[in-house]
Amino acid sequence: MSRAEDFVQRRERGNEALLRQANLPLKRFLALDDDVYAEGHLSARTKELLGLVASLVLRCDDCISYHLLQARRHGVGTEELVEAMAVAVVVGGSIVIPHLRAAIGILEEEQHGHHST
């Protein structure tokens, strides 16, 4: 199973558990998150790139994986992703690099169709 597939499965299981326990304010927050990333004056693909940069700077590996995969789903190319990741390193500094390595690992697996076991 690739890192991306593992992440997607873990996220789905976690979201199911979260929604079983979520109260109204938490459900509202989750709905707001969906609304923010929807098409608007900024395209959904642009918003996913913004989410990727913010996630890298904040060093949230699950968020990085999510926004990387969502950006790909919205047709963001490798060159665009790498440019966005460069912005994150400039903004966040060298502490972002380990998270950048993880993101590049997922991107390369996804590009080459390799699956880790």
C-alpha atoms as a PDB file:
ATOM      1  CA  MET A   1       0.000   0.000   0.000  1.00  0.00           C
ATOM      2  CA  SER A   2       1.382   3.431  -0.917  1.00  0.00           C
ATOM      3  CA  ARG A   3       1.724   6.226   1.612  1.00  0.00           C
ATOM      4  CA  ALA A   4      -1.074   8.073  -0.163  1.00  0.00           C
ATOM      5  CA  GLU A   5      -3.420   5.061   0.007  1.00  0.00           C
ATOM      6  CA  ASP A   6      -2.543   4.510   3.663  1.00  0.00           C
ATOM      7  CA  PHE A   7      -3.218   8.159   4.436  1.00  0.00           C
ATOM      8  CA  VAL A   8      -6.578   8.138   2.629  1.00  0.00           C
ATOM      9  CA  GLN A   9      -7.725   5.009   4.495  1.00  0.00           C
ATOM     10  CA  ARG A  10      -6.595   6.352   7.891  1.00  0.00           C
ATOM     11  CA  ARG A  11      -8.277   9.697   7.189  1.00  0.00           C
ATOM     12  CA  GLU A  12     -11.564   8.065   6.168  1.00  0.00           C
ATOM     13  CA  ARG A  13     -11.627   5.884   9.306  1.00  0.00           C
ATOM     14  CA  GLY A  14     -10.750   8.856  11.483  1.00  0.00           C
ATOM     15  CA  ASN A  15     -13.392  11.078   9.897  1.00  0.00           C
ATOM     16  CA  GLU A  16     -16.061   8.413  10.384  1.00  0.00           C
ATOM     17  CA  ALA A  17     -15.191   8.181  14.084  1.00  0.00           C
ATOM     18  CA  LEU A  18     -15.010  11.961  14.390  1.00  0.00           C
ATOM     19  CA  LEU A  19     -18.426  12.466  12.821  1.00  0.00           C
ATOM     20  CA  ARG A  20     -19.980   9.859  15.138  1.00  0.00           C
ATOM     21  CA  GLN A  21     -18.825  11.895  18.132  1.00  0.00           C
ATOM     22  CA  ALA A  22     -18.967  15.453  16.739  1.00  0.00           C
ATOM     23  CA  ASN A  23     -21.142  18.058  18.370  1.00  0.00           C
ATOM     24  CA  LEU A  24     -22.824  20.901  16.462  1.00  0.00           C
ATOM     25  CA  PRO A  25     -19.918  23.407  16.674  1.00  0.00           C
ATOM     26  CA  LEU A  26     -17.471  20.798  15.401  1.00  0.00           C
ATOM     27  CA  LYS A  27     -19.817  19.818  12.558  1.00  0.00           C
ATOM     28  CA  ARG A  28     -20.144  23.517  11.662  1.00  0.00           C
ATOM     29  CA  PHE A  29     -16.362  23.895  11.577  1.00  0.00           C
ATOM     30  CA  LEU A  30     -15.994  20.864   9.316  1.00  0.00           C
ATOM     31  CA  ALA A  31     -18.672  22.258   6.982  1.00  0.00           C
ATOM     32  CA  LEU A  32     -16.884  25.625   6.949  1.00  0.00           C
ATOM     33  CA  ASP A  33     -13.666  23.855   5.946  1.00  0.00           C
ATOM     34  CA  ASP A  34     -15.483  22.262   2.992  1.00  0.00           C
ATOM     35  CA  ASP A  35     -16.992  25.613   1.998  1.00  0.00           C
ATOM     36  CA  VAL A  36     -13.669  27.463   2.131  1.00  0.00           C
ATOM     37  CA  TYR A  37     -11.979  25.075  -0.315  1.00  0.00           C
ATOM     38  CA  ALA A  38     -14.875  25.123  -2.820  1.00  0.00           C
ATOM     39  CA  GLU A  39     -14.714  27.022  -6.108  1.00  0.00           C
ATOM     40  CA  GLY A  40     -15.116  30.763  -5.639  1.00  0.00           C
ATOM     41  CA  HIS A  41     -13.261  33.874  -6.745  1.00  0.00           C
ATOM     42  CA  LEU A  42     -10.197  31.682  -6.260  1.00  0.00           C
ATOM     43  CA  SER A  43     -10.276  28.308  -7.953  1.00  0.00           C
ATOM     44  CA  ALA A  44     -10.346  25.155  -5.836  1.00  0.00           C
ATOM     45  CA  ARG A  45      -6.934  24.226  -7.278  1.00  0.00           C
ATOM     46  CA  THR A  46      -5.464  27.563  -6.118  1.00  0.00           C
ATOM     47  CA  LYS A  47      -6.994  27.106  -2.685  1.00  0.00           C
ATOM     48  CA  GLU A  48      -5.455  23.620  -2.423  1.00  0.00           C
ATOM     49  CA  LEU A  49      -2.045  25.076  -3.263  1.00  0.00           C
ATOM     50  CA  LEU A  50      -2.562  27.684  -0.559  1.00  0.00           C
ATOM     51  CA  GLY A  51      -3.577  24.931   1.851  1.00  0.00           C
ATOM     52  CA  LEU A  52      -0.466  22.945   0.916  1.00  0.00           C
ATOM     53  CA  VAL A  53       1.834  25.909   1.556  1.00  0.00           C
ATOM     54  CA  ALA A  54       0.170  26.696   4.893  1.00  0.00           C
ATOM     55  CA  SER A  55       0.307  23.035   5.923  1.00  0.00           C
ATOM     56  CA  LEU A  56       4.000  22.797   5.100  1.00  0.00           C
ATOM     57  CA  VAL A  57       4.771  25.961   7.072  1.00  0.00           C
ATOM     58  CA  LEU A  58       2.692  24.695  10.014  1.00  0.00           C
ATOM     59  CA  ARG A  59       4.355  21.259   9.653  1.00  0.00           C
ATOM     60  CA  CYS A  60       1.160  19.193   9.677  1.00  0.00           C
ATOM     61  CA  ASP A  61       1.984  15.990   7.780  1.00  0.00           C
ATOM     62  CA  ASP A  62      -1.638  14.823   7.500  1.00  0.00           C
ATOM     63  CA  CYS A  63      -2.642  18.252   6.190  1.00  0.00           C
ATOM     64  CA  ILE A  64       0.254  18.209   3.722  1.00  0.00           C
ATOM     65  CA  SER A  65      -0.795  14.800   2.413  1.00  0.00           C
ATOM     66  CA  TYR A  66      -4.420  15.872   2.144  1.00  0.00           C
ATOM     67  CA  HIS A  67      -3.753  19.105   0.246  1.00  0.00           C
ATOM     68  CA  LEU A  68      -1.155  17.476  -1.996  1.00  0.00           C
ATOM     69  CA  LEU A  69      -3.630  14.772  -3.026  1.00  0.00           C
ATOM     70  CA  GLN A  70      -6.486  17.272  -3.382  1.00  0.00           C
ATOM     71  CA  ALA A  71      -4.314  19.527  -5.538  1.00  0.00           C
ATOM     72  CA  ARG A  72      -3.544  16.577  -7.792  1.00  0.00           C
ATOM     73  CA  ARG A  73      -7.254  15.754  -7.946  1.00  0.00           C
ATOM     74  CA  HIS A  74      -7.832  19.323  -9.173  1.00  0.00           C
ATOM     75  CA  GLY A  75      -5.244  18.899 -11.916  1.00  0.00           C
ATOM     76  CA  VAL A  76      -2.279  20.658 -10.333  1.00  0.00           C
ATOM     77  CA  GLY A  77       0.896  19.559 -12.081  1.00  0.00           C
ATOM     78  CA  THR A  78       4.174  18.518 -10.538  1.00  0.00           C
ATOM     79  CA  GLU A  79       5.970  21.731 -11.497  1.00  0.00           C
ATOM     80  CA  GLU A  80       3.229  23.825  -9.868  1.00  0.00           C
ATOM     81  CA  LEU A  81       3.391  21.723  -6.705  1.00  0.00           C
ATOM     82  CA  VAL A  82       7.162  22.045  -6.479  1.00  0.00           C
ATOM     83  CA  GLU A  83       6.957  25.833  -6.943  1.00  0.00           C
ATOM     84  CA  ALA A  84       4.356  26.060  -4.179  1.00  0.00           C
ATOM     85  CA  MET A  85       6.547  23.903  -1.953  1.00  0.00           C
ATOM     86  CA  ALA A  86       9.455  26.281  -2.603  1.00  0.00           C
ATOM     87  CA  VAL A  87       7.295  29.154  -1.355  1.00  0.00           C
ATOM     88  CA  ALA A  88       6.637  27.169   1.825  1.00  0.00           C
ATOM     89  CA  VAL A  89      10.361  26.664   2.435  1.00  0.00           C
ATOM     90  CA  VAL A  90      11.072  30.368   1.934  1.00  0.00           C
ATOM     91  CA  VAL A  91       8.242  31.332   4.295  1.00  0.00           C
ATOM     92  CA  GLY A  92       8.818  28.614   6.892  1.00  0.00           C
ATOM     93  CA  GLY A  93      12.578  28.140   6.712  1.00  0.00           C
ATOM     94  CA  SER A  94      14.682  25.029   6.886  1.00  0.00           C
ATOM     95  CA  ILE A  95      12.463  23.419   9.543  1.00  0.00           C
ATOM     96  CA  VAL A  96       9.987  22.756   6.706  1.00  0.00           C
ATOM     97  CA  ILE A  97      12.470  20.549   4.801  1.00  0.00           C
ATOM     98  CA  PRO A  98      11.709  17.235   6.602  1.00  0.00           C
ATOM     99  CA  HIS A  99       8.015  17.741   5.811  1.00  0.00           C
ATOM    100  CA  LEU A 100       8.926  18.689   2.270  1.00  0.00           C
ATOM    101  CA  ARG A 101      10.786  15.378   1.944  1.00  0.00           C
ATOM    102  CA  ALA A 102       7.660  13.501   3.009  1.00  0.00           C
ATOM    103  CA  ALA A 103       5.527  15.443   0.520  1.00  0.00           C
ATOM    104  CA  ILE A 104       7.978  14.775  -2.304  1.00  0.00           C
ATOM    105  CA  GLY A 105       7.988  11.078  -1.349  1.00  0.00           C
ATOM    106  CA  ILE A 106       4.208  10.903  -1.731  1.00  0.00           C
ATOM    107  CA  LEU A 107       4.386  12.861  -4.984  1.00  0.00           C
ATOM    108  CA  GLU A 108       7.018  10.533  -6.431  1.00  0.00           C
ATOM    109  CA  GLU A 109       5.081   7.413  -5.400  1.00  0.00           C
ATOM    110  CA  GLU A 110       1.977   8.872  -7.006  1.00  0.00           C
ATOM    111  CA  GLN A 111       3.888   9.787 -10.191  1.00  0.00           C
ATOM    112  CA  HIS A 112       5.560   6.422 -10.607  1.00  0.00           C
ATOM    113  CA  GLY A 113       2.741   4.238  -9.352  1.00  0.00           C
ATOM    114  CA  HIS A 114       5.017   2.645  -6.752  1.00  0.00           C
ATOM    115  CA  HIS A 115       3.425   1.074  -3.738  1.00  0.00           C
ATOM    116  CA  SER A 116       5.259   0.445  -0.528  1.00  0.00           C
ATOM    117  CA  THR A 117       4.524  -2.737   1.394  1.00  0.00           C
END
